[in-house]
Amino acid sequence: MDNVIKQHSKEYGETPLVIAQVPGTCTLLGSYADACKGWSLVGTDASTLFVAVSLRDDQLVRLTNATLNDRKRFSLGNIKYRKEDRWGNYLKGVIAVLANEGVSFTGLNITVEGNLLYSDNQMVSTACSLGTVIALDALLGLALSMTSMIRVAYQASTTFNNESCRVSDLLTMLNGKPSRILFFDLQHVTYKEISFPFTEENDEYVAIVVDSKISPNAMREEINSKKRAIERAFGKLKELKSGGFLRDFPESELSARIVPLDEEARHICEYVLMESHLANDAASLLASKDASLYGKLMNRVQAGLRDLLEVTCPEVDWLTKRASELNGCLGSVQISNGFSGNIMVLLSKQALPSYISRLEDYEHIFGFHPRWYIYGGHEAAKVVLPEHR
């Protein structure tokens, strides 16, 4: 927080009146379950974003991205989406939605800062939108409910910016806790909080996140293309299902080629349905702290990502393969946390030094210096200045 205060003061010559902090999210399992309205496991992540705000006495809004050293501005009398404003549109969208709902504004100075700004557009849009809602709610005394905050942030992301946004991410940002994750039933848009036992406090096993440090764009275009293919595949599957929930479509009918889908669509539907059901199974395994079975489940999902969905890359395949070769490593899987090529590895604390030493070989082979940390979740989004709020 000290850095965003320093940057805001440097840019505008004044201390911010309000600062909101928003964590990123990490989908441990069920990254593609939205397509079938299935189940997913999502927790808060270590990457964060700060949104600092102060008032102006005119009708101008000035925006500073202290992390990317970029600046934007617009007039409150002319709030429009402009492609060249890029990240600035994510903040602008919130002001546009609130203004359309009758909120009166004076000019604003806004600074965003944090490593979450290096993540993909969907995560940045979601976090910036929510952070701006929280900061403006505190600054203007709007007394928005959690439901209203989610609605405004969602509309700003999707309607104003035409970016993908998951309600499950917004709910996780607002309700996540350290050592806890949210288990989502996406069909009914409900969730329950469950413990994530494999944190640093666990005496035997820990889950680490390994960032392969590949180029941010290396996988994003491929994954975005795959998401469009998933949408098409489930559009076809929906036409073939007579009733009931899409997530309950019999996987056996897909594997037996009973339904008339092309091979790519069949593989996609097989994988997404399997991933969703495994996320459902995983919730009970976490509750019982069954590291062995949870690790096997991670490996099944990773094999599906590689062989059915085909959204891995050589770097990720190398990192997961090395994990499988090591005694004490129970499982590894590619995760969705807004950064390309991140995986989670579940392993014993005794095996951790051996796996980390293998990351040196990874750097020699691929030329990237990987980063790793023990996953433990993060506090929910909140106002951090004034501290009493």
Protein backbone atom coordinates (compact mmCIF):
# COMPACT_ATOMS: atom_id res chain seq x y z
CA MET A 1 0.00 0.00 0.00
CA ASP A 2 2.88 2.36 0.72
CA ASN A 3 3.91 2.33 -2.93
CA VAL A 4 0.49 3.34 -4.27
CA ILE A 5 0.35 6.20 -1.74
CA LYS A 6 3.81 7.33 -2.87
CA GLN A 7 2.91 7.09 -6.57
CA HIS A 8 -0.43 8.87 -6.12
CA SER A 9 1.24 11.68 -4.18
CA LYS A 10 3.98 11.98 -6.78
CA GLU A 11 1.48 12.16 -9.65
CA TYR A 12 -1.15 14.41 -8.13
CA GLY A 13 0.59 16.20 -5.25
CA GLU A 14 -1.88 14.86 -2.69
CA THR A 15 -2.50 11.81 -0.51
CA PRO A 16 -5.35 9.53 -1.62
CA LEU A 17 -8.54 9.70 0.43
CA VAL A 18 -9.44 6.06 -0.17
CA ILE A 19 -7.48 2.97 -1.21
CA ALA A 20 -9.07 -0.37 -2.10
CA GLN A 21 -7.09 -3.61 -2.29
CA VAL A 22 -8.24 -6.50 -4.51
CA PRO A 23 -6.67 -9.98 -4.70
CA GLY A 24 -6.40 -12.01 -7.87
CA THR A 25 -8.11 -15.38 -8.08
CA CYS A 26 -6.78 -18.87 -8.72
CA THR A 27 -9.03 -21.54 -10.21
CA LEU A 28 -7.53 -24.74 -8.86
CA LEU A 29 -9.92 -27.02 -10.76
CA GLY A 30 -12.85 -26.36 -13.06
CA SER A 31 -11.33 -23.56 -15.14
CA TYR A 32 -13.64 -24.35 -18.06
CA ALA A 33 -16.67 -25.51 -16.07
CA ASP A 34 -18.65 -22.36 -16.91
CA ALA A 35 -19.34 -23.92 -20.32
CA CYS A 36 -21.45 -26.69 -18.76
CA LYS A 37 -22.46 -24.78 -15.61
CA GLY A 38 -20.67 -27.39 -13.55
CA TRP A 39 -18.44 -27.14 -10.48
CA SER A 40 -15.21 -25.29 -9.78
CA LEU A 41 -12.77 -24.61 -6.95
CA VAL A 42 -11.54 -21.02 -6.75
CA GLY A 43 -9.41 -19.23 -4.17
CA THR A 44 -7.81 -15.84 -3.76
CA ASP A 45 -4.22 -15.59 -4.96
CA ALA A 46 -1.05 -13.75 -3.96
CA SER A 47 -1.18 -11.16 -6.77
CA THR A 48 -2.94 -7.94 -5.78
CA LEU A 49 -4.18 -4.64 -7.12
CA PHE A 50 -4.56 -1.30 -5.35
CA VAL A 51 -6.95 1.45 -6.45
CA ALA A 52 -6.29 4.86 -4.85
CA VAL A 53 -8.70 7.78 -5.29
CA SER A 54 -8.85 11.47 -4.41
CA LEU A 55 -11.18 14.28 -5.45
CA ARG A 56 -10.78 17.11 -7.95
CA ASP A 57 -12.75 20.36 -8.12
CA ASP A 58 -13.50 20.07 -11.86
CA GLN A 59 -15.15 17.53 -14.18
CA LEU A 60 -11.96 15.77 -15.25
CA VAL A 61 -10.94 12.24 -14.31
CA ARG A 62 -7.21 11.52 -14.44
CA LEU A 63 -5.98 7.93 -14.33
CA THR A 64 -2.47 6.72 -13.58
CA ASN A 65 -1.20 3.16 -13.91
CA ALA A 66 1.84 3.30 -11.65
CA THR A 67 2.88 -0.27 -12.50
CA LEU A 68 2.91 0.23 -16.26
CA ASN A 69 3.85 3.94 -16.07
CA ASP A 70 0.89 4.99 -18.21
CA ARG A 71 -1.68 7.78 -17.93
CA LYS A 72 -5.18 8.42 -19.25
CA ARG A 73 -7.81 11.11 -18.78
CA PHE A 74 -11.43 11.80 -19.70
CA SER A 75 -14.22 14.26 -18.97
CA LEU A 76 -17.23 13.27 -16.89
CA GLY A 77 -19.36 14.90 -19.58
CA ASN A 78 -18.05 12.46 -22.22
CA ILE A 79 -17.63 8.95 -20.80
CA LYS A 80 -17.09 6.70 -23.79
CA TYR A 81 -15.17 3.52 -24.51
CA ARG A 82 -12.01 4.31 -26.46
CA LYS A 83 -9.83 1.46 -27.68
CA GLU A 84 -6.66 3.48 -27.19
CA ASP A 85 -7.44 3.92 -23.47
CA ARG A 86 -6.88 0.18 -22.92
CA TRP A 87 -6.70 -0.45 -19.11
CA GLY A 88 -8.26 2.96 -18.46
CA ASN A 89 -11.55 1.71 -19.85
CA TYR A 90 -11.83 -0.77 -16.97
CA LEU A 91 -12.01 2.07 -14.45
CA LYS A 92 -14.02 4.29 -16.76
CA GLY A 93 -16.66 1.61 -17.18
CA VAL A 94 -17.51 1.64 -13.46
CA ILE A 95 -17.99 5.42 -13.46
CA ALA A 96 -20.17 5.10 -16.57
CA VAL A 97 -22.40 2.45 -14.96
CA LEU A 98 -22.77 4.40 -11.71
CA ALA A 99 -23.42 7.67 -13.54
CA ASN A 100 -26.16 5.99 -15.58
CA GLU A 101 -27.72 4.91 -12.29
CA GLY A 102 -27.86 8.47 -10.99
CA VAL A 103 -24.65 8.79 -8.97
CA SER A 104 -23.31 12.36 -9.09
CA PHE A 105 -19.59 12.79 -9.64
CA THR A 106 -17.03 15.52 -9.31
CA GLY A 107 -13.57 15.15 -10.81
CA LEU A 108 -11.33 12.30 -9.65
CA ASN A 109 -7.66 11.41 -9.48
CA ILE A 110 -7.21 7.62 -9.59
CA THR A 111 -4.04 5.53 -9.33
CA VAL A 112 -3.86 1.77 -9.91
CA GLU A 113 -0.82 -0.22 -8.84
CA GLY A 114 0.08 -3.85 -8.26
CA ASN A 115 1.49 -6.97 -9.91
CA LEU A 116 -2.01 -8.13 -10.87
CA LEU A 117 -1.84 -5.52 -13.66
CA TYR A 118 0.54 -7.87 -15.51
CA SER A 119 -2.14 -10.58 -15.74
CA ASP A 120 -4.50 -11.21 -18.66
CA ASN A 121 -7.24 -8.81 -19.75
CA GLN A 122 -10.04 -10.74 -18.08
CA MET A 123 -8.37 -10.71 -14.65
CA VAL A 124 -7.25 -7.07 -14.96
CA SER A 125 -10.71 -5.97 -16.09
CA THR A 126 -12.43 -7.86 -13.27
CA ALA A 127 -10.05 -6.66 -10.55
CA CYS A 128 -9.92 -3.05 -11.75
CA SER A 129 -13.70 -2.89 -12.02
CA LEU A 130 -14.26 -4.32 -8.55
CA GLY A 131 -11.49 -2.22 -6.97
CA THR A 132 -12.95 0.95 -8.48
CA VAL A 133 -16.44 0.06 -7.23
CA ILE A 134 -15.15 -0.55 -3.70
CA ALA A 135 -13.09 2.65 -3.65
CA LEU A 136 -15.90 4.85 -5.00
CA ASP A 137 -18.42 3.26 -2.66
CA ALA A 138 -16.24 4.26 0.30
CA LEU A 139 -15.33 7.69 -1.08
CA LEU A 140 -18.89 8.73 -1.97
CA GLY A 141 -20.72 6.91 0.82
CA LEU A 142 -22.87 4.90 -1.61
CA ALA A 143 -23.42 2.02 0.85
CA LEU A 144 -23.60 -0.54 -1.96
CA SER A 145 -24.48 -4.11 -1.06
CA MET A 146 -22.20 -6.95 -2.15
CA THR A 147 -24.76 -7.88 -4.81
CA SER A 148 -24.76 -4.32 -6.16
CA MET A 149 -20.96 -4.20 -6.22
CA ILE A 150 -20.88 -7.43 -8.22
CA ARG A 151 -23.55 -6.17 -10.61
CA VAL A 152 -21.76 -2.86 -11.28
CA ALA A 153 -18.34 -4.50 -11.73
CA TYR A 154 -19.83 -7.18 -14.00
CA GLN A 155 -21.64 -4.62 -16.17
CA ALA A 156 -18.53 -2.45 -16.41
CA SER A 157 -16.46 -5.44 -17.57
CA THR A 158 -18.95 -7.02 -19.96
CA THR A 159 -21.26 -4.28 -21.24
CA PHE A 160 -18.90 -1.29 -21.29
CA ASN A 161 -15.66 -3.13 -22.09
CA ASN A 162 -16.91 -6.28 -23.82
CA GLU A 163 -14.52 -8.36 -21.70
CA SER A 164 -15.26 -11.80 -20.27
CA CYS A 165 -16.05 -11.74 -16.57
CA ARG A 166 -16.92 -14.57 -14.20
CA VAL A 167 -19.26 -13.96 -11.30
CA SER A 168 -17.33 -16.69 -9.47
CA ASP A 169 -14.17 -14.55 -9.67
CA LEU A 170 -16.00 -11.51 -8.27
CA LEU A 171 -17.50 -13.58 -5.46
CA THR A 172 -14.08 -15.05 -4.66
CA MET A 173 -12.41 -11.63 -4.60
CA LEU A 174 -15.05 -10.43 -2.14
CA ASN A 175 -15.27 -13.53 0.05
CA GLY A 176 -11.94 -15.34 -0.15
CA LYS A 177 -9.78 -15.98 2.90
CA PRO A 178 -6.31 -17.35 3.59
CA SER A 179 -6.27 -21.15 3.72
CA ARG A 180 -9.85 -21.26 2.37
CA ILE A 181 -11.29 -21.73 -1.11
CA LEU A 182 -14.79 -21.46 -2.54
CA PHE A 183 -16.53 -24.48 -4.03
CA PHE A 184 -18.91 -23.25 -6.73
CA ASP A 185 -22.05 -24.82 -8.13
CA LEU A 186 -22.18 -22.76 -11.31
CA GLN A 187 -25.61 -24.04 -12.35
CA HIS A 188 -27.22 -22.44 -9.31
CA VAL A 189 -24.57 -19.72 -8.79
CA THR A 190 -24.04 -20.84 -5.20
CA TYR A 191 -20.88 -21.61 -3.27
CA LYS A 192 -19.63 -22.88 0.02
CA GLU A 193 -16.38 -22.14 1.78
CA ILE A 194 -14.07 -25.08 2.36
CA SER A 195 -10.62 -25.43 3.87
CA PHE A 196 -7.56 -25.76 1.65
CA PRO A 197 -5.31 -27.91 3.82
CA PHE A 198 -2.05 -27.97 1.85
CA THR A 199 -0.62 -24.64 2.96
CA GLU A 200 2.66 -23.86 4.73
CA GLU A 201 1.03 -24.77 8.05
CA ASN A 202 0.58 -28.39 6.93
CA ASP A 203 3.22 -30.62 8.51
CA GLU A 204 3.43 -33.04 5.58
CA TYR A 205 2.19 -31.70 2.22
CA VAL A 206 2.18 -28.32 0.50
CA ALA A 207 0.79 -27.06 -2.79
CA ILE A 208 3.14 -24.75 -4.64
CA VAL A 209 2.37 -22.53 -7.61
CA VAL A 210 5.10 -22.48 -10.25
CA ASP A 211 5.15 -19.63 -12.74
CA SER A 212 6.91 -20.87 -15.87
CA LYS A 213 7.64 -17.24 -16.83
CA ILE A 214 6.82 -17.84 -20.48
CA SER A 215 5.80 -14.82 -22.54
CA PRO A 216 2.39 -13.50 -21.39
CA ASN A 217 1.05 -13.82 -24.92
CA ALA A 218 2.44 -17.31 -25.54
CA MET A 219 -0.70 -19.14 -24.48
CA ARG A 220 -3.36 -16.43 -24.25
CA GLU A 221 -4.25 -16.37 -27.93
CA GLU A 222 -4.42 -20.16 -28.02
CA ILE A 223 -6.57 -20.32 -24.87
CA ASN A 224 -8.90 -17.57 -26.12
CA SER A 225 -9.30 -19.50 -29.39
CA LYS A 226 -10.01 -22.66 -27.40
CA LYS A 227 -12.63 -20.84 -25.32
CA ARG A 228 -14.44 -19.90 -28.53
CA ALA A 229 -14.25 -23.54 -29.65
CA ILE A 230 -15.67 -24.62 -26.28
CA GLU A 231 -18.58 -22.23 -26.69
CA ARG A 232 -19.32 -23.65 -30.14
CA ALA A 233 -19.02 -27.26 -28.95
CA PHE A 234 -21.40 -26.81 -26.04
CA GLY A 235 -23.78 -24.87 -28.25
CA LYS A 236 -24.03 -28.01 -30.40
CA LEU A 237 -24.29 -30.28 -27.36
CA LYS A 238 -27.11 -28.17 -25.92
CA GLU A 239 -29.09 -28.67 -29.13
CA LEU A 240 -28.69 -32.45 -28.73
CA LYS A 241 -29.74 -32.59 -25.06
CA SER A 242 -33.48 -32.97 -24.56
CA GLY A 243 -33.65 -31.66 -21.00
CA GLY A 244 -31.97 -31.40 -17.62
CA PHE A 245 -28.65 -29.78 -16.77
CA LEU A 246 -25.93 -29.71 -19.41
CA ARG A 247 -23.33 -30.78 -16.85
CA ASP A 248 -25.22 -34.07 -16.43
CA PHE A 249 -24.84 -35.08 -20.08
CA PRO A 250 -23.64 -38.72 -20.04
CA GLU A 251 -19.92 -38.82 -20.79
CA SER A 252 -20.40 -42.37 -22.03
CA GLU A 253 -22.49 -41.09 -24.94
CA LEU A 254 -19.60 -38.87 -25.95
CA SER A 255 -16.91 -41.52 -25.67
CA ALA A 256 -19.12 -44.06 -27.51
CA ARG A 257 -19.73 -41.49 -30.27
CA ILE A 258 -23.51 -41.82 -29.88
CA VAL A 259 -24.02 -38.07 -30.30
CA PRO A 260 -23.21 -36.57 -33.72
CA LEU A 261 -20.31 -34.26 -32.86
CA ASP A 262 -17.12 -33.75 -34.81
CA GLU A 263 -13.94 -35.10 -33.19
CA GLU A 264 -12.71 -31.76 -31.84
CA ALA A 265 -16.07 -30.88 -30.30
CA ARG A 266 -16.36 -34.35 -28.78
CA HIS A 267 -12.94 -34.10 -27.16
CA ILE A 268 -13.76 -30.63 -25.84
CA CYS A 269 -17.06 -31.71 -24.32
CA GLU A 270 -15.50 -34.87 -22.86
CA TYR A 271 -12.81 -32.87 -21.16
CA VAL A 272 -14.97 -30.04 -19.79
CA LEU A 273 -17.56 -32.45 -18.35
CA MET A 274 -14.81 -34.59 -16.82
CA GLU A 275 -13.04 -31.57 -15.33
CA SER A 276 -16.28 -30.31 -13.81
CA HIS A 277 -17.11 -33.66 -12.20
CA LEU A 278 -13.56 -34.02 -10.87
CA ALA A 279 -13.79 -30.56 -9.31
CA ASN A 280 -16.94 -31.76 -7.57
CA ASP A 281 -15.12 -34.86 -6.32
CA ALA A 282 -12.13 -32.79 -5.23
CA ALA A 283 -14.18 -30.75 -2.75
CA SER A 284 -14.76 -33.79 -0.56
CA LEU A 285 -11.12 -34.86 -0.88
CA LEU A 286 -9.98 -31.48 0.39
CA ALA A 287 -12.46 -31.70 3.26
CA SER A 288 -10.96 -35.05 4.27
CA LYS A 289 -7.40 -33.79 3.61
CA ASP A 290 -6.77 -36.73 1.29
CA ALA A 291 -3.55 -35.59 -0.38
CA SER A 292 -2.95 -38.80 -2.31
CA LEU A 293 -6.32 -38.96 -4.06
CA TYR A 294 -6.40 -35.21 -4.64
CA GLY A 295 -2.99 -35.47 -6.32
CA LYS A 296 -4.21 -38.27 -8.60
CA LEU A 297 -7.19 -36.16 -9.53
CA MET A 298 -4.88 -33.25 -10.41
CA ASN A 299 -2.95 -35.57 -12.72
CA ARG A 300 -6.14 -36.71 -14.46
CA VAL A 301 -7.14 -33.12 -15.14
CA GLN A 302 -3.66 -32.30 -16.45
CA ALA A 303 -3.71 -35.29 -18.81
CA GLY A 304 -7.06 -34.05 -20.14
CA LEU A 305 -5.75 -30.52 -20.62
CA ARG A 306 -2.83 -31.95 -22.61
CA ASP A 307 -4.52 -34.71 -24.63
CA LEU A 308 -8.18 -33.70 -25.02
CA LEU A 309 -8.30 -29.92 -24.74
CA GLU A 310 -4.72 -29.42 -25.99
CA VAL A 311 -4.04 -26.17 -24.13
CA THR A 312 -0.66 -26.90 -22.59
CA CYS A 313 2.78 -25.95 -23.93
CA PRO A 314 6.26 -27.55 -23.84
CA GLU A 315 7.28 -25.58 -20.75
CA VAL A 316 4.19 -26.64 -18.77
CA ASP A 317 4.53 -30.25 -19.98
CA TRP A 318 8.17 -30.30 -18.81
CA LEU A 319 7.32 -28.92 -15.36
CA THR A 320 4.47 -31.38 -14.79
CA LYS A 321 6.47 -34.30 -16.18
CA ARG A 322 9.37 -33.62 -13.81
CA ALA A 323 6.92 -33.51 -10.90
CA SER A 324 5.53 -36.93 -11.81
CA GLU A 325 9.04 -38.43 -11.79
CA LEU A 326 9.84 -37.36 -8.26
CA ASN A 327 9.09 -39.40 -5.13
CA GLY A 328 6.89 -37.35 -2.86
CA CYS A 329 5.19 -35.41 -5.67
CA LEU A 330 1.54 -36.43 -5.66
CA GLY A 331 0.16 -34.41 -8.56
CA SER A 332 0.43 -31.34 -10.77
CA VAL A 333 -2.00 -29.38 -12.89
CA GLN A 334 -2.14 -26.21 -14.95
CA ILE A 335 -4.18 -23.56 -13.12
CA SER A 336 -5.97 -20.36 -14.15
CA ASN A 337 -4.79 -17.31 -12.22
CA GLY A 338 -4.47 -14.73 -15.00
CA PHE A 339 -0.85 -15.57 -15.79
CA SER A 340 0.28 -17.83 -18.63
CA GLY A 341 1.81 -21.21 -17.89
CA ASN A 342 1.25 -21.44 -14.14
CA ILE A 343 0.94 -24.86 -12.54
CA MET A 344 0.17 -26.17 -9.07
CA VAL A 345 2.25 -29.03 -7.68
CA LEU A 346 1.20 -31.01 -4.61
CA LEU A 347 4.18 -32.57 -2.88
CA SER A 348 5.65 -33.48 0.46
CA LYS A 349 7.76 -30.91 2.26
CA GLN A 350 10.65 -33.37 2.06
CA ALA A 351 10.35 -33.48 -1.75
CA LEU A 352 10.13 -29.70 -2.15
CA PRO A 353 13.92 -29.03 -2.30
CA SER A 354 14.36 -31.75 -4.94
CA TYR A 355 11.65 -30.30 -7.17
CA ILE A 356 12.94 -26.74 -6.76
CA SER A 357 16.42 -27.90 -7.76
CA ARG A 358 14.93 -29.22 -11.01
CA LEU A 359 13.76 -25.72 -11.82
CA GLU A 360 17.42 -24.88 -12.46
CA ASP A 361 17.40 -27.44 -15.29
CA TYR A 362 14.22 -25.82 -16.61
CA GLU A 363 15.97 -22.45 -16.80
CA HIS A 364 18.94 -23.95 -18.66
CA ILE A 365 16.65 -25.67 -21.19
CA PHE A 366 14.03 -22.98 -21.82
CA GLY A 367 15.83 -19.78 -20.82
CA PHE A 368 13.14 -18.63 -18.37
CA HIS A 369 13.73 -18.11 -14.65
CA PRO A 370 10.66 -19.64 -12.97
CA ARG A 371 9.10 -18.24 -9.81
CA TRP A 372 7.38 -20.36 -7.18
CA TYR A 373 5.51 -19.88 -3.92
CA ILE A 374 3.49 -21.98 -1.50
CA TYR A 375 -0.19 -21.43 -2.18
CA GLY A 376 -2.11 -20.13 0.80
CA GLY A 377 -4.80 -17.78 -0.44
CA HIS A 378 -5.19 -14.09 0.38
CA GLU A 379 -7.50 -11.75 2.23
CA ALA A 380 -10.67 -10.61 0.46
CA ALA A 381 -11.03 -7.29 -1.33
CA LYS A 382 -11.41 -4.42 1.11
CA VAL A 383 -10.79 -0.76 1.83
CA VAL A 384 -7.33 -0.41 3.37
CA LEU A 385 -7.35 3.40 3.69
CA PRO A 386 -8.93 4.81 5.83
CA GLU A 387 -7.89 1.88 8.03
CA HIS A 388 -10.98 2.01 10.26
CA ARG A 389 -13.37 1.20 7.39
